[in-house]
């Protein structure tokens, strides 16, 4: 049985591709994002469309159809200490936003 990890990604826009790839590998991924983004991701899954060599058009990958799990929430939904890995995937100006700053620099 392969080892699975709990991974927290701060930033859904930049973090979705990483989150999808980790979910594809069977890990549990949580994305920290704005409430409207979290509602959409939790309802419909994170969806990534990308080109794949040798295929026409884009391949669509939906997190709800993958072996791992992906969920999203706001800055108060998760505690970084509960995770095996925390990834920062947002633009630098967002670091100072209340809630994000506390997650990055407790």
PDB file of N, CA and C in Angstrom:
ATOM      1  N   UNK A   1       0.850  -1.179   0.000  1.00  0.00           N
ATOM      2  CA  UNK A   1       0.000   0.000   0.000  1.00  0.00           C
ATOM      3  C   UNK A   1       0.896   1.242   0.000  1.00  0.00           C
ATOM      4  N   UNK A   2       0.736   2.141  -0.964  1.00  0.00           N
ATOM      5  CA  UNK A   2       1.569   3.347  -1.005  1.00  0.00           C
ATOM      6  C   UNK A   2       1.215   4.310   0.122  1.00  0.00           C
ATOM      7  N   UNK A   3       2.192   5.091   0.520  1.00  0.00           N
ATOM      8  CA  UNK A   3       1.974   6.108   1.547  1.00  0.00           C
ATOM      9  C   UNK A   3       1.195   7.263   0.948  1.00  0.00           C
ATOM     10  N   UNK A   4       0.214   7.748   1.684  1.00  0.00           N
ATOM     11  CA  UNK A   4      -0.513   8.939   1.250  1.00  0.00           C
ATOM     12  C   UNK A   4      -0.262  10.049   2.260  1.00  0.00           C
ATOM     13  N   UNK A   5      -0.305  11.270   1.772  1.00  0.00           N
ATOM     14  CA  UNK A   5      -0.003  12.423   2.598  1.00  0.00           C
ATOM     15  C   UNK A   5      -1.168  13.401   2.615  1.00  0.00           C
ATOM     16  N   UNK A   6      -1.200  14.216   3.657  1.00  0.00           N
ATOM     17  CA  UNK A   6      -2.148  15.328   3.778  1.00  0.00           C
ATOM     18  C   UNK A   6      -1.386  16.585   3.385  1.00  0.00           C
ATOM     19  N   UNK A   7      -1.907  17.280   2.387  1.00  0.00           N
ATOM     20  CA  UNK A   7      -1.201  18.429   1.825  1.00  0.00           C
ATOM     21  C   UNK A   7      -2.115  19.638   1.820  1.00  0.00           C
ATOM     22  N   UNK A   8      -1.596  20.750   2.296  1.00  0.00           N
ATOM     23  CA  UNK A   8      -2.316  22.020   2.310  1.00  0.00           C
ATOM     24  C   UNK A   8      -1.665  22.942   1.291  1.00  0.00           C
ATOM     25  N   UNK A   9      -2.483  23.506   0.392  1.00  0.00           N
ATOM     26  CA  UNK A   9      -1.981  24.434  -0.613  1.00  0.00           C
ATOM     27  C   UNK A   9      -2.672  25.775  -0.403  1.00  0.00           C
ATOM     28  N   UNK A  10      -1.875  26.816  -0.138  1.00  0.00           N
ATOM     29  CA  UNK A  10      -2.418  28.158   0.018  1.00  0.00           C
ATOM     30  C   UNK A  10      -2.475  28.808  -1.352  1.00  0.00           C
ATOM     31  N   UNK A  11      -3.680  28.965  -1.877  1.00  0.00           N
ATOM     32  CA  UNK A  11      -3.878  29.571  -3.193  1.00  0.00           C
ATOM     33  C   UNK A  11      -4.446  28.579  -4.180  1.00  0.00           C
ATOM     34  N   UNK A  12      -5.707  28.773  -4.559  1.00  0.00           N
ATOM     35  CA  UNK A  12      -6.354  27.831  -5.474  1.00  0.00           C
ATOM     36  C   UNK A  12      -6.043  28.119  -6.934  1.00  0.00           C
ATOM     37  N   UNK A  13      -5.857  29.377  -7.304  1.00  0.00           N
ATOM     38  CA  UNK A  13      -5.602  29.672  -8.720  1.00  0.00           C
ATOM     39  C   UNK A  13      -4.317  29.003  -9.178  1.00  0.00           C
ATOM     40  N   UNK A  14      -3.213  29.299  -8.510  1.00  0.00           N
ATOM     41  CA  UNK A  14      -1.933  28.696  -8.867  1.00  0.00           C
ATOM     42  C   UNK A  14      -1.819  27.270  -8.335  1.00  0.00           C
ATOM     43  N   UNK A  15      -2.500  26.969  -7.259  1.00  0.00           N
ATOM     44  CA  UNK A  15      -2.353  25.671  -6.614  1.00  0.00           C
ATOM     45  C   UNK A  15      -3.204  24.557  -7.176  1.00  0.00           C
ATOM     46  N   UNK A  16      -4.161  24.881  -8.044  1.00  0.00           N
ATOM     47  CA  UNK A  16      -5.068  23.840  -8.554  1.00  0.00           C
ATOM     48  C   UNK A  16      -4.350  22.758  -9.352  1.00  0.00           C
ATOM     49  N   UNK A  17      -3.415  23.133 -10.208  1.00  0.00           N
ATOM     50  CA  UNK A  17      -2.705  22.129 -11.002  1.00  0.00           C
ATOM     51  C   UNK A  17      -1.906  21.195 -10.090  1.00  0.00           C
ATOM     52  N   UNK A  18      -1.180  21.765  -9.136  1.00  0.00           N
ATOM     53  CA  UNK A  18      -0.444  20.935  -8.179  1.00  0.00           C
ATOM     54  C   UNK A  18      -1.412  20.061  -7.388  1.00  0.00           C
ATOM     55  N   UNK A  19      -2.518  20.647  -6.946  1.00  0.00           N
ATOM     56  CA  UNK A  19      -3.516  19.898  -6.185  1.00  0.00           C
ATOM     57  C   UNK A  19      -4.085  18.729  -6.970  1.00  0.00           C
ATOM     58  N   UNK A  20      -4.399  18.967  -8.243  1.00  0.00           N
ATOM     59  CA  UNK A  20      -4.924  17.899  -9.108  1.00  0.00           C
ATOM     60  C   UNK A  20      -3.900  16.773  -9.248  1.00  0.00           C
ATOM     61  N   UNK A  21      -2.644  17.127  -9.479  1.00  0.00           N
ATOM     62  CA  UNK A  21      -1.614  16.102  -9.655  1.00  0.00           C
ATOM     63  C   UNK A  21      -1.417  15.288  -8.378  1.00  0.00           C
ATOM     64  N   UNK A  22      -1.469  15.938  -7.230  1.00  0.00           N
ATOM     65  CA  UNK A  22      -1.329  15.220  -5.957  1.00  0.00           C
ATOM     66  C   UNK A  22      -2.547  14.357  -5.672  1.00  0.00           C
ATOM     67  N   UNK A  23      -3.724  14.843  -6.032  1.00  0.00           N
ATOM     68  CA  UNK A  23      -4.953  14.061  -5.870  1.00  0.00           C
ATOM     69  C   UNK A  23      -4.930  12.852  -6.802  1.00  0.00           C
ATOM     70  N   UNK A  24      -4.409  13.041  -8.004  1.00  0.00           N
ATOM     71  CA  UNK A  24      -4.258  11.938  -8.957  1.00  0.00           C
ATOM     72  C   UNK A  24      -3.370  10.837  -8.373  1.00  0.00           C
ATOM     73  N   UNK A  25      -2.394  11.223  -7.557  1.00  0.00           N
ATOM     74  CA  UNK A  25      -1.492  10.260  -6.922  1.00  0.00           C
ATOM     75  C   UNK A  25      -2.083   9.648  -5.654  1.00  0.00           C
ATOM     76  N   UNK A  26      -3.326  10.059  -5.290  1.00  0.00           N
ATOM     77  CA  UNK A  26      -4.006   9.443  -4.148  1.00  0.00           C
ATOM     78  C   UNK A  26      -3.897  10.181  -2.835  1.00  0.00           C
ATOM     79  N   UNK A  27      -3.322  11.363  -2.833  1.00  0.00           N
ATOM     80  CA  UNK A  27      -3.150  12.124  -1.600  1.00  0.00           C
ATOM     81  C   UNK A  27      -4.402  12.928  -1.254  1.00  0.00           C
ATOM     82  N   UNK A  28      -4.472  13.390  -0.010  1.00  0.00           N
ATOM     83  CA  UNK A  28      -5.541  14.275   0.446  1.00  0.00           C
ATOM     84  C   UNK A  28      -5.028  15.693   0.361  1.00  0.00           C
ATOM     85  N   UNK A  29      -5.733  16.541  -0.387  1.00  0.00           N
ATOM     86  CA  UNK A  29      -5.299  17.908  -0.642  1.00  0.00           C
ATOM     87  C   UNK A  29      -6.393  18.878  -0.203  1.00  0.00           C
ATOM     88  N   UNK A  30      -5.992  19.918   0.487  1.00  0.00           N
ATOM     89  CA  UNK A  30      -6.898  21.007   0.851  1.00  0.00           C
ATOM     90  C   UNK A  30      -6.329  22.307   0.288  1.00  0.00           C
ATOM     91  N   UNK A  31      -7.191  23.071  -0.377  1.00  0.00           N
ATOM     92  CA  UNK A  31      -6.822  24.362  -0.944  1.00  0.00           C
ATOM     93  C   UNK A  31      -7.381  25.478  -0.081  1.00  0.00           C
ATOM     94  N   UNK A  32      -6.561  26.471   0.238  1.00  0.00           N
ATOM     95  CA  UNK A  32      -7.025  27.661   0.946  1.00  0.00           C
ATOM     96  C   UNK A  32      -7.312  28.720  -0.111  1.00  0.00           C
ATOM     97  N   UNK A  33      -8.550  29.233  -0.103  1.00  0.00           N
ATOM     98  CA  UNK A  33      -8.948  30.203  -1.114  1.00  0.00           C
ATOM     99  C   UNK A  33     -10.114  31.045  -0.605  1.00  0.00           C
ATOM    100  N   UNK A  34     -10.626  31.904  -1.460  1.00  0.00           N
ATOM    101  CA  UNK A  34     -11.764  32.743  -1.113  1.00  0.00           C
ATOM    102  C   UNK A  34     -13.026  31.890  -0.970  1.00  0.00           C
ATOM    103  N   UNK A  35     -13.982  32.340  -0.161  1.00  0.00           N
ATOM    104  CA  UNK A  35     -15.194  31.538   0.081  1.00  0.00           C
ATOM    105  C   UNK A  35     -15.951  31.125  -1.186  1.00  0.00           C
ATOM    106  N   UNK A  36     -16.107  32.042  -2.141  1.00  0.00           N
ATOM    107  CA  UNK A  36     -16.827  31.693  -3.376  1.00  0.00           C
ATOM    108  C   UNK A  36     -16.081  30.608  -4.159  1.00  0.00           C
ATOM    109  N   UNK A  37     -14.750  30.700  -4.197  1.00  0.00           N
ATOM    110  CA  UNK A  37     -13.951  29.665  -4.873  1.00  0.00           C
ATOM    111  C   UNK A  37     -14.087  28.330  -4.148  1.00  0.00           C
ATOM    112  N   UNK A  38     -14.029  28.365  -2.821  1.00  0.00           N
ATOM    113  CA  UNK A  38     -14.143  27.133  -2.031  1.00  0.00           C
ATOM    114  C   UNK A  38     -15.491  26.462  -2.267  1.00  0.00           C
ATOM    115  N   UNK A  39     -16.567  27.243  -2.282  1.00  0.00           N
ATOM    116  CA  UNK A  39     -17.896  26.673  -2.524  1.00  0.00           C
ATOM    117  C   UNK A  39     -17.956  25.981  -3.879  1.00  0.00           C
ATOM    118  N   UNK A  40     -17.421  26.635  -4.910  1.00  0.00           N
ATOM    119  CA  UNK A  40     -17.435  26.071  -6.255  1.00  0.00           C
ATOM    120  C   UNK A  40     -16.599  24.796  -6.340  1.00  0.00           C
ATOM    121  N   UNK A  41     -15.395  24.823  -5.770  1.00  0.00           N
ATOM    122  CA  UNK A  41     -14.516  23.641  -5.795  1.00  0.00           C
ATOM    123  C   UNK A  41     -15.151  22.487  -5.037  1.00  0.00           C
ATOM    124  N   UNK A  42     -15.724  22.761  -3.876  1.00  0.00           N
ATOM    125  CA  UNK A  42     -16.340  21.694  -3.083  1.00  0.00           C
ATOM    126  C   UNK A  42     -17.591  21.131  -3.751  1.00  0.00           C
ATOM    127  N   UNK A  43     -18.278  21.955  -4.520  1.00  0.00           N
ATOM    128  CA  UNK A  43     -19.499  21.518  -5.203  1.00  0.00           C
ATOM    129  C   UNK A  43     -19.190  20.778  -6.513  1.00  0.00           C
ATOM    130  N   UNK A  44     -18.288  21.330  -7.334  1.00  0.00           N
ATOM    131  CA  UNK A  44     -18.063  20.791  -8.675  1.00  0.00           C
ATOM    132  C   UNK A  44     -16.688  20.158  -8.880  1.00  0.00           C
ATOM    133  N   UNK A  45     -15.810  20.281  -7.894  1.00  0.00           N
ATOM    134  CA  UNK A  45     -14.449  19.779  -8.019  1.00  0.00           C
ATOM    135  C   UNK A  45     -13.556  20.813  -8.677  1.00  0.00           C
ATOM    136  N   UNK A  46     -12.267  20.626  -8.550  1.00  0.00           N
ATOM    137  CA  UNK A  46     -11.307  21.466  -9.266  1.00  0.00           C
ATOM    138  C   UNK A  46     -11.139  20.839 -10.644  1.00  0.00           C
ATOM    139  N   UNK A  47     -11.206  21.667 -11.665  1.00  0.00           N
ATOM    140  CA  UNK A  47     -11.112  21.173 -13.035  1.00  0.00           C
ATOM    141  C   UNK A  47      -9.924  21.839 -13.717  1.00  0.00           C
ATOM    142  N   UNK A  48      -9.059  21.016 -14.290  1.00  0.00           N
ATOM    143  CA  UNK A  48      -7.894  21.507 -15.021  1.00  0.00           C
ATOM    144  C   UNK A  48      -7.982  20.973 -16.446  1.00  0.00           C
ATOM    145  N   UNK A  49      -7.769  21.855 -17.396  1.00  0.00           N
ATOM    146  CA  UNK A  49      -7.728  21.458 -18.810  1.00  0.00           C
ATOM    147  C   UNK A  49      -6.326  21.751 -19.332  1.00  0.00           C
ATOM    148  N   UNK A  50      -5.710  20.748 -19.964  1.00  0.00           N
ATOM    149  CA  UNK A  50      -4.345  20.947 -20.449  1.00  0.00           C
ATOM    150  C   UNK A  50      -4.092  20.124 -21.696  1.00  0.00           C
ATOM    151  N   UNK A  51      -3.146  20.598 -22.525  1.00  0.00           N
ATOM    152  CA  UNK A  51      -2.796  19.818 -23.717  1.00  0.00           C
ATOM    153  C   UNK A  51      -1.957  18.604 -23.324  1.00  0.00           C
ATOM    154  N   UNK A  52      -2.128  17.536 -24.079  1.00  0.00           N
ATOM    155  CA  UNK A  52      -1.337  16.327 -23.876  1.00  0.00           C
ATOM    156  C   UNK A  52      -0.777  15.924 -25.236  1.00  0.00           C
ATOM    157  N   UNK A  53       0.510  15.711 -25.268  1.00  0.00           N
ATOM    158  CA  UNK A  53       1.188  15.360 -26.529  1.00  0.00           C
ATOM    159  C   UNK A  53       0.533  14.122 -27.137  1.00  0.00           C
ATOM    160  N   UNK A  54       0.247  14.222 -28.431  1.00  0.00           N
ATOM    161  CA  UNK A  54      -0.345  13.099 -29.139  1.00  0.00           C
ATOM    162  C   UNK A  54      -1.863  13.067 -29.115  1.00  0.00           C
ATOM    163  N   UNK A  55      -2.487  14.038 -28.449  1.00  0.00           N
ATOM    164  CA  UNK A  55      -3.953  14.100 -28.389  1.00  0.00           C
ATOM    165  C   UNK A  55      -4.427  15.427 -28.952  1.00  0.00           C
ATOM    166  N   UNK A  56      -5.568  15.385 -29.601  1.00  0.00           N
ATOM    167  CA  UNK A  56      -6.168  16.614 -30.098  1.00  0.00           C
ATOM    168  C   UNK A  56      -6.943  17.301 -28.974  1.00  0.00           C
ATOM    169  N   UNK A  57      -6.924  18.604 -28.974  1.00  0.00           N
ATOM    170  CA  UNK A  57      -7.668  19.366 -27.980  1.00  0.00           C
ATOM    171  C   UNK A  57      -7.058  19.270 -26.595  1.00  0.00           C
ATOM    172  N   UNK A  58      -7.854  19.636 -25.619  1.00  0.00           N
ATOM    173  CA  UNK A  58      -7.405  19.633 -24.229  1.00  0.00           C
ATOM    174  C   UNK A  58      -7.976  18.437 -23.486  1.00  0.00           C
ATOM    175  N   UNK A  59      -7.214  17.907 -22.556  1.00  0.00           N
ATOM    176  CA  UNK A  59      -7.678  16.845 -21.678  1.00  0.00           C
ATOM    177  C   UNK A  59      -8.193  17.503 -20.404  1.00  0.00           C
ATOM    178  N   UNK A  60      -9.392  17.118 -19.989  1.00  0.00           N
ATOM    179  CA  UNK A  60      -9.979  17.685 -18.776  1.00  0.00           C
ATOM    180  C   UNK A  60      -9.860  16.690 -17.630  1.00  0.00           C
ATOM    181  N   UNK A  61      -9.361  17.190 -16.502  1.00  0.00           N
ATOM    182  CA  UNK A  61      -9.229  16.361 -15.306  1.00  0.00           C
ATOM    183  C   UNK A  61     -10.039  17.018 -14.200  1.00  0.00           C
ATOM    184  N   UNK A  62     -10.976  16.270 -13.622  1.00  0.00           N
ATOM    185  CA  UNK A  62     -11.811  16.760 -12.527  1.00  0.00           C
ATOM    186  C   UNK A  62     -11.405  16.037 -11.249  1.00  0.00           C
ATOM    187  N   UNK A  63     -11.129  16.789 -10.200  1.00  0.00           N
ATOM    188  CA  UNK A  63     -10.663  16.206  -8.943  1.00  0.00           C
ATOM    189  C   UNK A  63     -11.651  15.212  -8.340  1.00  0.00           C
ATOM    190  N   UNK A  64     -12.924  15.333  -8.667  1.00  0.00           N
ATOM    191  CA  UNK A  64     -13.924  14.430  -8.096  1.00  0.00           C
ATOM    192  C   UNK A  64     -13.844  13.019  -8.684  1.00  0.00           C
ATOM    193  N   UNK A  65     -13.079  12.845  -9.748  1.00  0.00           N
ATOM    194  CA  UNK A  65     -12.956  11.535 -10.393  1.00  0.00           C
ATOM    195  C   UNK A  65     -11.586  10.902 -10.164  1.00  0.00           C
ATOM    196  N   UNK A  66     -10.866  11.396  -9.184  1.00  0.00           N
ATOM    197  CA  UNK A  66      -9.495  10.931  -8.947  1.00  0.00           C
ATOM    198  C   UNK A  66      -9.418  10.091  -7.676  1.00  0.00           C
ATOM    199  N   UNK A  67      -8.354   9.304  -7.512  1.00  0.00           N
ATOM    200  CA  UNK A  67      -8.248   8.424  -6.346  1.00  0.00           C
ATOM    201  C   UNK A  67      -8.072   9.138  -5.011  1.00  0.00           C
ATOM    202  N   UNK A  68      -7.470  10.319  -5.001  1.00  0.00           N
ATOM    203  CA  UNK A  68      -7.323  11.077  -3.758  1.00  0.00           C
ATOM    204  C   UNK A  68      -8.529  11.968  -3.525  1.00  0.00           C
ATOM    205  N   UNK A  69      -8.429  12.830  -2.531  1.00  0.00           N
ATOM    206  CA  UNK A  69      -9.526  13.759  -2.262  1.00  0.00           C
ATOM    207  C   UNK A  69      -8.997  15.184  -2.277  1.00  0.00           C
ATOM    208  N   UNK A  70      -9.823  16.094  -2.768  1.00  0.00           N
ATOM    209  CA  UNK A  70      -9.481  17.500  -2.812  1.00  0.00           C
ATOM    210  C   UNK A  70     -10.676  18.286  -2.288  1.00  0.00           C
ATOM    211  N   UNK A  71     -10.412  19.186  -1.347  1.00  0.00           N
ATOM    212  CA  UNK A  71     -11.446  20.050  -0.788  1.00  0.00           C
ATOM    213  C   UNK A  71     -10.847  21.438  -0.622  1.00  0.00           C
ATOM    214  N   UNK A  72     -11.718  22.412  -0.426  1.00  0.00           N
ATOM    215  CA  UNK A  72     -11.258  23.794  -0.304  1.00  0.00           C
ATOM    216  C   UNK A  72     -11.971  24.476   0.856  1.00  0.00           C
ATOM    217  N   UNK A  73     -11.332  25.519   1.377  1.00  0.00           N
ATOM    218  CA  UNK A  73     -11.915  26.299   2.455  1.00  0.00           C
ATOM    219  C   UNK A  73     -11.173  27.610   2.614  1.00  0.00           C
ATOM    220  N   UNK A  74     -11.678  28.433   3.496  1.00  0.00           N
ATOM    221  CA  UNK A  74     -11.062  29.729   3.765  1.00  0.00           C
ATOM    222  C   UNK A  74      -9.883  29.609   4.711  1.00  0.00           C
ATOM    223  N   UNK A  75      -9.359  30.750   5.104  1.00  0.00           N
ATOM    224  CA  UNK A  75      -8.138  30.773   5.916  1.00  0.00           C
ATOM    225  C   UNK A  75      -8.322  30.203   7.316  1.00  0.00           C
ATOM    226  N   UNK A  76      -9.550  30.129   7.810  1.00  0.00           N
ATOM    227  CA  UNK A  76      -9.765  29.587   9.158  1.00  0.00           C
ATOM    228  C   UNK A  76     -10.162  28.117   9.140  1.00  0.00           C
ATOM    229  N   UNK A  77     -10.273  27.516   7.967  1.00  0.00           N
ATOM    230  CA  UNK A  77     -10.736  26.130   7.848  1.00  0.00           C
ATOM    231  C   UNK A  77      -9.658  25.093   8.148  1.00  0.00           C
ATOM    232  N   UNK A  78      -8.394  25.485   8.048  1.00  0.00           N
ATOM    233  CA  UNK A  78      -7.310  24.511   8.164  1.00  0.00           C
ATOM    234  C   UNK A  78      -6.192  25.037   9.050  1.00  0.00           C
ATOM    235  N   UNK A  79      -5.474  24.119   9.690  1.00  0.00           N
ATOM    236  CA  UNK A  79      -4.301  24.449  10.499  1.00  0.00           C
ATOM    237  C   UNK A  79      -3.071  23.796   9.861  1.00  0.00           C
ATOM    238  N   UNK A  80      -2.085  24.579   9.441  1.00  0.00           N
ATOM    239  CA  UNK A  80      -0.906  24.006   8.772  1.00  0.00           C
ATOM    240  C   UNK A  80      -0.235  22.879   9.555  1.00  0.00           C
ATOM    241  N   UNK A  81      -0.262  22.920  10.870  1.00  0.00           N
ATOM    242  CA  UNK A  81       0.396  21.885  11.676  1.00  0.00           C
ATOM    243  C   UNK A  81      -0.232  20.504  11.478  1.00  0.00           C
ATOM    244  N   UNK A  82      -1.438  20.439  10.923  1.00  0.00           N
ATOM    245  CA  UNK A  82      -2.129  19.168  10.708  1.00  0.00           C
ATOM    246  C   UNK A  82      -1.706  18.468   9.419  1.00  0.00           C
ATOM    247  N   UNK A  83      -0.779  19.052   8.670  1.00  0.00           N
ATOM    248  CA  UNK A  83      -0.434  18.543   7.344  1.00  0.00           C
ATOM    249  C   UNK A  83       1.009  18.073   7.271  1.00  0.00           C
ATOM    250  N   UNK A  84       1.244  17.158   6.334  1.00  0.00           N
ATOM    251  CA  UNK A  84       2.589  16.659   6.086  1.00  0.00           C
ATOM    252  C   UNK A  84       3.392  17.619   5.213  1.00  0.00           C
ATOM    253  N   UNK A  85       2.697  18.395   4.380  1.00  0.00           N
ATOM    254  CA  UNK A  85       3.338  19.332   3.478  1.00  0.00           C
ATOM    255  C   UNK A  85       2.423  20.531   3.288  1.00  0.00           C
ATOM    256  N   UNK A  86       2.998  21.731   3.318  1.00  0.00           N
ATOM    257  CA  UNK A  86       2.254  22.958   3.040  1.00  0.00           C
ATOM    258  C   UNK A  86       2.950  23.655   1.882  1.00  0.00           C
ATOM    259  N   UNK A  87       2.172  23.999   0.846  1.00  0.00           N
ATOM    260  CA  UNK A  87       2.717  24.670  -0.334  1.00  0.00           C
ATOM    261  C   UNK A  87       2.117  26.065  -0.441  1.00  0.00           C
ATOM    262  N   UNK A  88       2.953  27.023  -0.718  1.00  0.00           N
ATOM    263  CA  UNK A  88       2.519  28.402  -0.916  1.00  0.00           C
ATOM    264  C   UNK A  88       2.408  28.642  -2.412  1.00  0.00           C
ATOM    265  N   UNK A  89       1.190  28.857  -2.903  1.00  0.00           N
ATOM    266  CA  UNK A  89       0.948  28.982  -4.337  1.00  0.00           C
ATOM    267  C   UNK A  89       0.077  30.204  -4.623  1.00  0.00           C
ATOM    268  N   UNK A  90       0.561  31.356  -4.189  1.00  0.00           N
ATOM    269  CA  UNK A  90      -0.181  32.597  -4.422  1.00  0.00           C
ATOM    270  C   UNK A  90       0.789  33.727  -4.689  1.00  0.00           C
ATOM    271  N   UNK A  91       0.259  34.810  -5.208  1.00  0.00           N
ATOM    272  CA  UNK A  91       1.094  35.960  -5.483  1.00  0.00           C
ATOM    273  C   UNK A  91       1.521  36.633  -4.185  1.00  0.00           C
ATOM    274  N   UNK A  92       2.694  37.222  -4.205  1.00  0.00           N
ATOM    275  CA  UNK A  92       3.273  37.833  -3.013  1.00  0.00           C
ATOM    276  C   UNK A  92       2.358  38.837  -2.309  1.00  0.00           C
ATOM    277  N   UNK A  93       1.621  39.718  -3.008  1.00  0.00           N
ATOM    278  CA  UNK A  93       0.761  40.673  -2.294  1.00  0.00           C
ATOM    279  C   UNK A  93      -0.310  40.011  -1.424  1.00  0.00           C
ATOM    280  N   UNK A  94      -0.688  38.779  -1.725  1.00  0.00           N
ATOM    281  CA  UNK A  94      -1.709  38.099  -0.940  1.00  0.00           C
ATOM    282  C   UNK A  94      -1.198  37.651   0.420  1.00  0.00           C
ATOM    283  N   UNK A  95       0.113  37.573   0.606  1.00  0.00           N
ATOM    284  CA  UNK A  95       0.674  37.114   1.872  1.00  0.00           C
ATOM    285  C   UNK A  95       0.254  38.004   3.044  1.00  0.00           C
ATOM    286  N   UNK A  96       0.036  39.296   2.782  1.00  0.00           N
ATOM    287  CA  UNK A  96      -0.269  40.219   3.872  1.00  0.00           C
ATOM    288  C   UNK A  96      -1.758  40.299   4.200  1.00  0.00           C
ATOM    289  N   UNK A  97      -2.605  39.602   3.442  1.00  0.00           N
ATOM    290  CA  UNK A  97      -4.042  39.614   3.694  1.00  0.00           C
ATOM    291  C   UNK A  97      -4.304  38.946   5.047  1.00  0.00           C
ATOM    292  N   UNK A  98      -5.126  39.588   5.899  1.00  0.00           N
ATOM    293  CA  UNK A  98      -5.442  38.962   7.185  1.00  0.00           C
ATOM    294  C   UNK A  98      -5.963  37.536   6.986  1.00  0.00           C
ATOM    295  N   UNK A  99      -5.522  36.653   7.788  1.00  0.00           N
ATOM    296  CA  UNK A  99      -5.857  35.239   7.667  1.00  0.00           C
ATOM    297  C   UNK A  99      -4.752  34.491   6.949  1.00  0.00           C
ATOM    298  N   UNK A 100      -4.339  34.969   5.792  1.00  0.00           N
ATOM    299  CA  UNK A 100      -3.223  34.343   5.063  1.00  0.00           C
ATOM    300  C   UNK A 100      -1.935  34.591   5.815  1.00  0.00           C
ATOM    301  N   UNK A 101      -1.737  35.817   6.245  1.00  0.00           N
ATOM    302  CA  UNK A 101      -0.520  36.173   6.991  1.00  0.00           C
ATOM    303  C   UNK A 101      -0.370  35.271   8.216  1.00  0.00           C
ATOM    304  N   UNK A 102      -1.451  35.017   8.921  1.00  0.00           N
ATOM    305  CA  UNK A 102      -1.385  34.178  10.131  1.00  0.00           C
ATOM    306  C   UNK A 102      -1.075  32.716   9.794  1.00  0.00           C
ATOM    307  N   UNK A 103      -1.547  32.254   8.642  1.00  0.00           N
ATOM    308  CA  UNK A 103      -1.219  30.879   8.246  1.00  0.00           C
ATOM    309  C   UNK A 103       0.251  30.743   7.876  1.00  0.00           C
ATOM    310  N   UNK A 104       0.789  31.781   7.228  1.00  0.00           N
ATOM    311  CA  UNK A 104       2.188  31.734   6.800  1.00  0.00           C
ATOM    312  C   UNK A 104       3.169  32.003   7.928  1.00  0.00           C
ATOM    313  N   UNK A 105       2.793  32.916   8.818  1.00  0.00           N
ATOM    314  CA  UNK A 105       3.696  33.357   9.878  1.00  0.00           C
ATOM    315  C   UNK A 105       2.974  33.330  11.215  1.00  0.00           C
ATOM    316  N   UNK A 106       2.755  32.133  11.764  1.00  0.00           N
ATOM    317  CA  UNK A 106       1.989  32.024  13.023  1.00  0.00           C
ATOM    318  C   UNK A 106       2.700  32.640  14.212  1.00  0.00           C
TER     319      UNK A 106
END
